[in-house]
Amino acid sequence: MRNRLRELRAARRWSQADLADRLDVSRQTVNAIETGRFDPSLPLAFKIAAVFEGRIEDLFFPPEDTGPEA
């Protein structure tokens, strides 16, 4: 899953540690989400959306190469 986390975090001039503190997760978790190595749970995704005052759909989306299944 792709996401806009790094872009939105940078726009607010927050470090990964700053965002991690707001989400009550580790900085490593934020890094893993940003790099696409970890997909957050639904509750964490809602928490991330709330921190950025947006919707989950505006933050997370499928990879570009994913097409409809035949």
PDB file of N, CA and C in Angstrom:
ATOM      1  N   MET A   1       0.849  -1.169   0.000  1.00  0.00           N
ATOM      2  CA  MET A   1       0.000   0.000   0.000  1.00  0.00           C
ATOM      3  C   MET A   1       0.898   1.237   0.000  1.00  0.00           C
ATOM      4  N   ARG A   2       0.541   2.217  -0.801  1.00  0.00           N
ATOM      5  CA  ARG A   2       1.274   3.476  -0.829  1.00  0.00           C
ATOM      6  C   ARG A   2       0.599   4.471   0.114  1.00  0.00           C
ATOM      7  N   ASN A   3       1.345   5.511   0.494  1.00  0.00           N
ATOM      8  CA  ASN A   3       0.761   6.511   1.383  1.00  0.00           C
ATOM      9  C   ASN A   3       1.442   7.859   1.189  1.00  0.00           C
ATOM     10  N   ARG A   4       0.826   8.881   1.743  1.00  0.00           N
ATOM     11  CA  ARG A   4       1.324  10.259   1.670  1.00  0.00           C
ATOM     12  C   ARG A   4       1.905  10.717   3.011  1.00  0.00           C
ATOM     13  N   LEU A   5       2.203   9.785   3.878  1.00  0.00           N
ATOM     14  CA  LEU A   5       2.617  10.119   5.235  1.00  0.00           C
ATOM     15  C   LEU A   5       3.856  11.014   5.256  1.00  0.00           C
ATOM     16  N   ARG A   6       4.888  10.638   4.524  1.00  0.00           N
ATOM     17  CA  ARG A   6       6.131  11.409   4.533  1.00  0.00           C
ATOM     18  C   ARG A   6       5.880  12.839   4.028  1.00  0.00           C
ATOM     19  N   GLU A   7       5.127  12.943   2.953  1.00  0.00           N
ATOM     20  CA  GLU A   7       4.810  14.249   2.366  1.00  0.00           C
ATOM     21  C   GLU A   7       4.060  15.141   3.361  1.00  0.00           C
ATOM     22  N   LEU A   8       3.049  14.595   4.007  1.00  0.00           N
ATOM     23  CA  LEU A   8       2.244  15.375   4.949  1.00  0.00           C
ATOM     24  C   LEU A   8       3.036  15.721   6.203  1.00  0.00           C
ATOM     25  N   ARG A   9       3.845  14.792   6.650  1.00  0.00           N
ATOM     26  CA  ARG A   9       4.679  15.040   7.828  1.00  0.00           C
ATOM     27  C   ARG A   9       5.693  16.145   7.535  1.00  0.00           C
ATOM     28  N   ALA A  10       6.333  16.070   6.385  1.00  0.00           N
ATOM     29  CA  ALA A  10       7.335  17.072   6.006  1.00  0.00           C
ATOM     30  C   ALA A  10       6.703  18.460   5.854  1.00  0.00           C
ATOM     31  N   ALA A  11       5.485  18.505   5.332  1.00  0.00           N
ATOM     32  CA  ALA A  11       4.800  19.784   5.161  1.00  0.00           C
ATOM     33  C   ALA A  11       4.570  20.472   6.505  1.00  0.00           C
ATOM     34  N   ARG A  12       4.449  19.690   7.556  1.00  0.00           N
ATOM     35  CA  ARG A  12       4.251  20.243   8.903  1.00  0.00           C
ATOM     36  C   ARG A  12       5.570  20.420   9.653  1.00  0.00           C
ATOM     37  N   ARG A  13       6.659  20.043   8.975  1.00  0.00           N
ATOM     38  CA  ARG A  13       8.000  20.120   9.560  1.00  0.00           C
ATOM     39  C   ARG A  13       8.132  19.291  10.829  1.00  0.00           C
ATOM     40  N   TRP A  14       7.476  18.132  10.813  1.00  0.00           N
ATOM     41  CA  TRP A  14       7.586  17.191  11.921  1.00  0.00           C
ATOM     42  C   TRP A  14       8.630  16.152  11.569  1.00  0.00           C
ATOM     43  N   SER A  15       9.389  15.731  12.552  1.00  0.00           N
ATOM     44  CA  SER A  15      10.289  14.594  12.367  1.00  0.00           C
ATOM     45  C   SER A  15       9.466  13.316  12.509  1.00  0.00           C
ATOM     46  N   GLN A  16      10.076  12.206  12.169  1.00  0.00           N
ATOM     47  CA  GLN A  16       9.389  10.927  12.392  1.00  0.00           C
ATOM     48  C   GLN A  16       9.105  10.746  13.876  1.00  0.00           C
ATOM     49  N   ALA A  17      10.016  11.192  14.710  1.00  0.00           N
ATOM     50  CA  ALA A  17       9.813  11.078  16.163  1.00  0.00           C
ATOM     51  C   ALA A  17       8.637  11.934  16.621  1.00  0.00           C
ATOM     52  N   ASP A  18       8.493  13.132  16.044  1.00  0.00           N
ATOM     53  CA  ASP A  18       7.355  13.999  16.390  1.00  0.00           C
ATOM     54  C   ASP A  18       6.038  13.301  16.065  1.00  0.00           C
ATOM     55  N   LEU A  19       5.963  12.739  14.856  1.00  0.00           N
ATOM     56  CA  LEU A  19       4.736  12.048  14.460  1.00  0.00           C
ATOM     57  C   LEU A  19       4.510  10.816  15.331  1.00  0.00           C
ATOM     58  N   ALA A  20       5.563  10.088  15.614  1.00  0.00           N
ATOM     59  CA  ALA A  20       5.448   8.896  16.457  1.00  0.00           C
ATOM     60  C   ALA A  20       4.875   9.258  17.824  1.00  0.00           C
ATOM     61  N   ASP A  21       5.331  10.365  18.392  1.00  0.00           N
ATOM     62  CA  ASP A  21       4.807  10.818  19.689  1.00  0.00           C
ATOM     63  C   ASP A  21       3.320  11.123  19.603  1.00  0.00           C
ATOM     64  N   ARG A  22       2.893  11.766  18.512  1.00  0.00           N
ATOM     65  CA  ARG A  22       1.475  12.108  18.347  1.00  0.00           C
ATOM     66  C   ARG A  22       0.611  10.854  18.177  1.00  0.00           C
ATOM     67  N   LEU A  23       1.204   9.814  17.596  1.00  0.00           N
ATOM     68  CA  LEU A  23       0.457   8.571  17.338  1.00  0.00           C
ATOM     69  C   LEU A  23       0.623   7.537  18.451  1.00  0.00           C
ATOM     70  N   ASP A  24       1.543   7.796  19.374  1.00  0.00           N
ATOM     71  CA  ASP A  24       1.867   6.849  20.445  1.00  0.00           C
ATOM     72  C   ASP A  24       2.379   5.521  19.873  1.00  0.00           C
ATOM     73  N   VAL A  25       3.284   5.642  18.887  1.00  0.00           N
ATOM     74  CA  VAL A  25       3.965   4.483  18.306  1.00  0.00           C
ATOM     75  C   VAL A  25       5.450   4.801  18.272  1.00  0.00           C
ATOM     76  N   SER A  26       6.267   3.848  17.866  1.00  0.00           N
ATOM     77  CA  SER A  26       7.706   4.085  17.779  1.00  0.00           C
ATOM     78  C   SER A  26       8.049   4.816  16.481  1.00  0.00           C
ATOM     79  N   ARG A  27       9.210   5.454  16.476  1.00  0.00           N
ATOM     80  CA  ARG A  27       9.689   6.105  15.269  1.00  0.00           C
ATOM     81  C   ARG A  27       9.912   5.065  14.176  1.00  0.00           C
ATOM     82  N   GLN A  28      10.335   3.863  14.577  1.00  0.00           N
ATOM     83  CA  GLN A  28      10.546   2.785  13.613  1.00  0.00           C
ATOM     84  C   GLN A  28       9.247   2.397  12.922  1.00  0.00           C
ATOM     85  N   THR A  29       8.132   2.452  13.656  1.00  0.00           N
ATOM     86  CA  THR A  29       6.827   2.156  13.058  1.00  0.00           C
ATOM     87  C   THR A  29       6.468   3.203  12.016  1.00  0.00           C
ATOM     88  N   VAL A  30       6.699   4.459  12.332  1.00  0.00           N
ATOM     89  CA  VAL A  30       6.430   5.529  11.365  1.00  0.00           C
ATOM     90  C   VAL A  30       7.288   5.324  10.122  1.00  0.00           C
ATOM     91  N   ASN A  31       8.558   5.019  10.312  1.00  0.00           N
ATOM     92  CA  ASN A  31       9.452   4.784   9.188  1.00  0.00           C
ATOM     93  C   ASN A  31       8.964   3.616   8.337  1.00  0.00           C
ATOM     94  N   ALA A  32       8.563   2.531   8.966  1.00  0.00           N
ATOM     95  CA  ALA A  32       8.094   1.348   8.238  1.00  0.00           C
ATOM     96  C   ALA A  32       6.819   1.649   7.443  1.00  0.00           C
ATOM     97  N   ILE A  33       5.932   2.433   7.993  1.00  0.00           N
ATOM     98  CA  ILE A  33       4.710   2.815   7.271  1.00  0.00           C
ATOM     99  C   ILE A  33       5.077   3.696   6.077  1.00  0.00           C
ATOM    100  N   GLU A  34       5.919   4.694   6.313  1.00  0.00           N
ATOM    101  CA  GLU A  34       6.307   5.606   5.236  1.00  0.00           C
ATOM    102  C   GLU A  34       6.973   4.890   4.069  1.00  0.00           C
ATOM    103  N   THR A  35       7.782   3.899   4.364  1.00  0.00           N
ATOM    104  CA  THR A  35       8.514   3.186   3.313  1.00  0.00           C
ATOM    105  C   THR A  35       7.715   2.035   2.710  1.00  0.00           C
ATOM    106  N   GLY A  36       6.512   1.805   3.213  1.00  0.00           N
ATOM    107  CA  GLY A  36       5.663   0.764   2.658  1.00  0.00           C
ATOM    108  C   GLY A  36       5.996  -0.634   3.128  1.00  0.00           C
ATOM    109  N   ARG A  37       6.825  -0.754   4.165  1.00  0.00           N
ATOM    110  CA  ARG A  37       7.164  -2.067   4.697  1.00  0.00           C
ATOM    111  C   ARG A  37       6.143  -2.563   5.719  1.00  0.00           C
ATOM    112  N   PHE A  38       5.244  -1.681   6.148  1.00  0.00           N
ATOM    113  CA  PHE A  38       4.251  -2.036   7.163  1.00  0.00           C
ATOM    114  C   PHE A  38       2.957  -1.296   6.858  1.00  0.00           C
ATOM    115  N   ASP A  39       1.867  -2.029   6.792  1.00  0.00           N
ATOM    116  CA  ASP A  39       0.545  -1.416   6.636  1.00  0.00           C
ATOM    117  C   ASP A  39      -0.079  -1.291   8.020  1.00  0.00           C
ATOM    118  N   PRO A  40      -0.511  -0.092   8.382  1.00  0.00           N
ATOM    119  CA  PRO A  40      -1.065   0.101   9.728  1.00  0.00           C
ATOM    120  C   PRO A  40      -2.400  -0.617   9.896  1.00  0.00           C
ATOM    121  N   SER A  41      -2.697  -0.949  11.125  1.00  0.00           N
ATOM    122  CA  SER A  41      -4.008  -1.514  11.448  1.00  0.00           C
ATOM    123  C   SER A  41      -5.061  -0.447  11.168  1.00  0.00           C
ATOM    124  N   LEU A  42      -6.294  -0.859  11.076  1.00  0.00           N
ATOM    125  CA  LEU A  42      -7.373   0.100  10.830  1.00  0.00           C
ATOM    126  C   LEU A  42      -7.458   1.152  11.941  1.00  0.00           C
ATOM    127  N   PRO A  43      -7.387   0.757  13.222  1.00  0.00           N
ATOM    128  CA  PRO A  43      -7.414   1.792  14.265  1.00  0.00           C
ATOM    129  C   PRO A  43      -6.252   2.789  14.143  1.00  0.00           C
ATOM    130  N   LEU A  44      -5.057   2.299  13.800  1.00  0.00           N
ATOM    131  CA  LEU A  44      -3.916   3.198  13.647  1.00  0.00           C
ATOM    132  C   LEU A  44      -4.106   4.083  12.416  1.00  0.00           C
ATOM    133  N   ALA A  45      -4.649   3.543  11.343  1.00  0.00           N
ATOM    134  CA  ALA A  45      -4.911   4.343  10.142  1.00  0.00           C
ATOM    135  C   ALA A  45      -5.886   5.478  10.466  1.00  0.00           C
ATOM    136  N   PHE A  46      -6.924   5.196  11.252  1.00  0.00           N
ATOM    137  CA  PHE A  46      -7.866   6.244  11.660  1.00  0.00           C
ATOM    138  C   PHE A  46      -7.163   7.295  12.522  1.00  0.00           C
ATOM    139  N   LYS A  47      -6.268   6.854  13.383  1.00  0.00           N
ATOM    140  CA  LYS A  47      -5.535   7.774  14.244  1.00  0.00           C
ATOM    141  C   LYS A  47      -4.627   8.681  13.399  1.00  0.00           C
ATOM    142  N   ILE A  48      -3.974   8.095  12.398  1.00  0.00           N
ATOM    143  CA  ILE A  48      -3.120   8.873  11.500  1.00  0.00           C
ATOM    144  C   ILE A  48      -3.954   9.905  10.756  1.00  0.00           C
ATOM    145  N   ALA A  49      -5.092   9.479  10.250  1.00  0.00           N
ATOM    146  CA  ALA A  49      -5.985  10.397   9.535  1.00  0.00           C
ATOM    147  C   ALA A  49      -6.417  11.545  10.450  1.00  0.00           C
ATOM    148  N   ALA A  50      -6.709  11.244  11.694  1.00  0.00           N
ATOM    149  CA  ALA A  50      -7.129  12.286  12.640  1.00  0.00           C
ATOM    150  C   ALA A  50      -5.998  13.278  12.904  1.00  0.00           C
ATOM    151  N   VAL A  51      -4.779  12.787  13.043  1.00  0.00           N
ATOM    152  CA  VAL A  51      -3.632  13.666  13.286  1.00  0.00           C
ATOM    153  C   VAL A  51      -3.448  14.640  12.126  1.00  0.00           C
ATOM    154  N   PHE A  52      -3.685  14.151  10.901  1.00  0.00           N
ATOM    155  CA  PHE A  52      -3.531  15.006   9.721  1.00  0.00           C
ATOM    156  C   PHE A  52      -4.844  15.666   9.301  1.00  0.00           C
ATOM    157  N   GLU A  53      -5.885  15.482  10.103  1.00  0.00           N
ATOM    158  CA  GLU A  53      -7.201  16.079   9.857  1.00  0.00           C
ATOM    159  C   GLU A  53      -7.700  15.766   8.449  1.00  0.00           C
ATOM    160  N   GLY A  54      -7.594  14.497   8.090  1.00  0.00           N
ATOM    161  CA  GLY A  54      -8.030  14.052   6.768  1.00  0.00           C
ATOM    162  C   GLY A  54      -8.754  12.730   6.840  1.00  0.00           C
ATOM    163  N   ARG A  55      -8.956  12.151   5.675  1.00  0.00           N
ATOM    164  CA  ARG A  55      -9.617  10.852   5.592  1.00  0.00           C
ATOM    165  C   ARG A  55      -8.596   9.776   5.247  1.00  0.00           C
ATOM    166  N   ILE A  56      -8.852   8.578   5.672  1.00  0.00           N
ATOM    167  CA  ILE A  56      -7.954   7.460   5.367  1.00  0.00           C
ATOM    168  C   ILE A  56      -7.713   7.369   3.865  1.00  0.00           C
ATOM    169  N   GLU A  57      -8.776   7.543   3.070  1.00  0.00           N
ATOM    170  CA  GLU A  57      -8.665   7.425   1.617  1.00  0.00           C
ATOM    171  C   GLU A  57      -7.739   8.481   1.017  1.00  0.00           C
ATOM    172  N   ASP A  58      -7.542   9.586   1.721  1.00  0.00           N
ATOM    173  CA  ASP A  58      -6.654  10.638   1.230  1.00  0.00           C
ATOM    174  C   ASP A  58      -5.195  10.362   1.592  1.00  0.00           C
ATOM    175  N   LEU A  59      -4.981   9.420   2.506  1.00  0.00           N
ATOM    176  CA  LEU A  59      -3.629   9.120   2.981  1.00  0.00           C
ATOM    177  C   LEU A  59      -3.069   7.814   2.437  1.00  0.00           C
ATOM    178  N   PHE A  60      -3.916   6.826   2.271  1.00  0.00           N
ATOM    179  CA  PHE A  60      -3.478   5.493   1.860  1.00  0.00           C
ATOM    180  C   PHE A  60      -4.187   5.074   0.578  1.00  0.00           C
ATOM    181  N   PHE A  61      -3.451   4.436  -0.321  1.00  0.00           N
ATOM    182  CA  PHE A  61      -4.036   3.993  -1.587  1.00  0.00           C
ATOM    183  C   PHE A  61      -3.225   2.835  -2.140  1.00  0.00           C
ATOM    184  N   PRO A  62      -3.829   2.052  -3.030  1.00  0.00           N
ATOM    185  CA  PRO A  62      -3.129   0.881  -3.570  1.00  0.00           C
ATOM    186  C   PRO A  62      -1.984   1.308  -4.492  1.00  0.00           C
ATOM    187  N   PRO A  63      -1.016   0.415  -4.686  1.00  0.00           N
ATOM    188  CA  PRO A  63       0.081   0.729  -5.620  1.00  0.00           C
ATOM    189  C   PRO A  63      -0.463   0.996  -7.015  1.00  0.00           C
ATOM    190  N   GLU A  64       0.254   1.792  -7.781  1.00  0.00           N
ATOM    191  CA  GLU A  64      -0.189   2.147  -9.136  1.00  0.00           C
ATOM    192  C   GLU A  64      -0.319   0.947 -10.051  1.00  0.00           C
ATOM    193  N   ASP A  65       0.517  -0.058  -9.839  1.00  0.00           N
ATOM    194  CA  ASP A  65       0.507  -1.203 -10.748  1.00  0.00           C
ATOM    195  C   ASP A  65      -0.600  -2.208 -10.432  1.00  0.00           C
ATOM    196  N   THR A  66      -1.439  -1.914  -9.446  1.00  0.00           N
ATOM    197  CA  THR A  66      -2.530  -2.809  -9.096  1.00  0.00           C
ATOM    198  C   THR A  66      -3.724  -2.503  -9.998  1.00  0.00           C
ATOM    199  N   GLY A  67      -4.147  -3.507 -10.736  1.00  0.00           N
ATOM    200  CA  GLY A  67      -5.293  -3.342 -11.608  1.00  0.00           C
ATOM    201  C   GLY A  67      -6.425  -4.221 -11.148  1.00  0.00           C
ATOM    202  N   PRO A  68      -7.563  -4.140 -11.828  1.00  0.00           N
ATOM    203  CA  PRO A  68      -8.688  -5.000 -11.457  1.00  0.00           C
ATOM    204  C   PRO A  68      -8.335  -6.467 -11.688  1.00  0.00           C
ATOM    205  N   GLU A  69      -8.787  -7.272 -10.782  1.00  0.00           N
ATOM    206  CA  GLU A  69      -8.523  -8.712 -10.906  1.00  0.00           C
ATOM    207  C   GLU A  69      -9.475  -9.315 -11.928  1.00  0.00           C
ATOM    208  N   ALA A  70      -8.948 -10.223 -12.732  1.00  0.00           N
ATOM    209  CA  ALA A  70      -9.749 -10.861 -13.770  1.00  0.00           C
ATOM    210  C   ALA A  70     -10.472 -12.064 -13.239  1.00  0.00           C
TER     211      ALA A  70
END
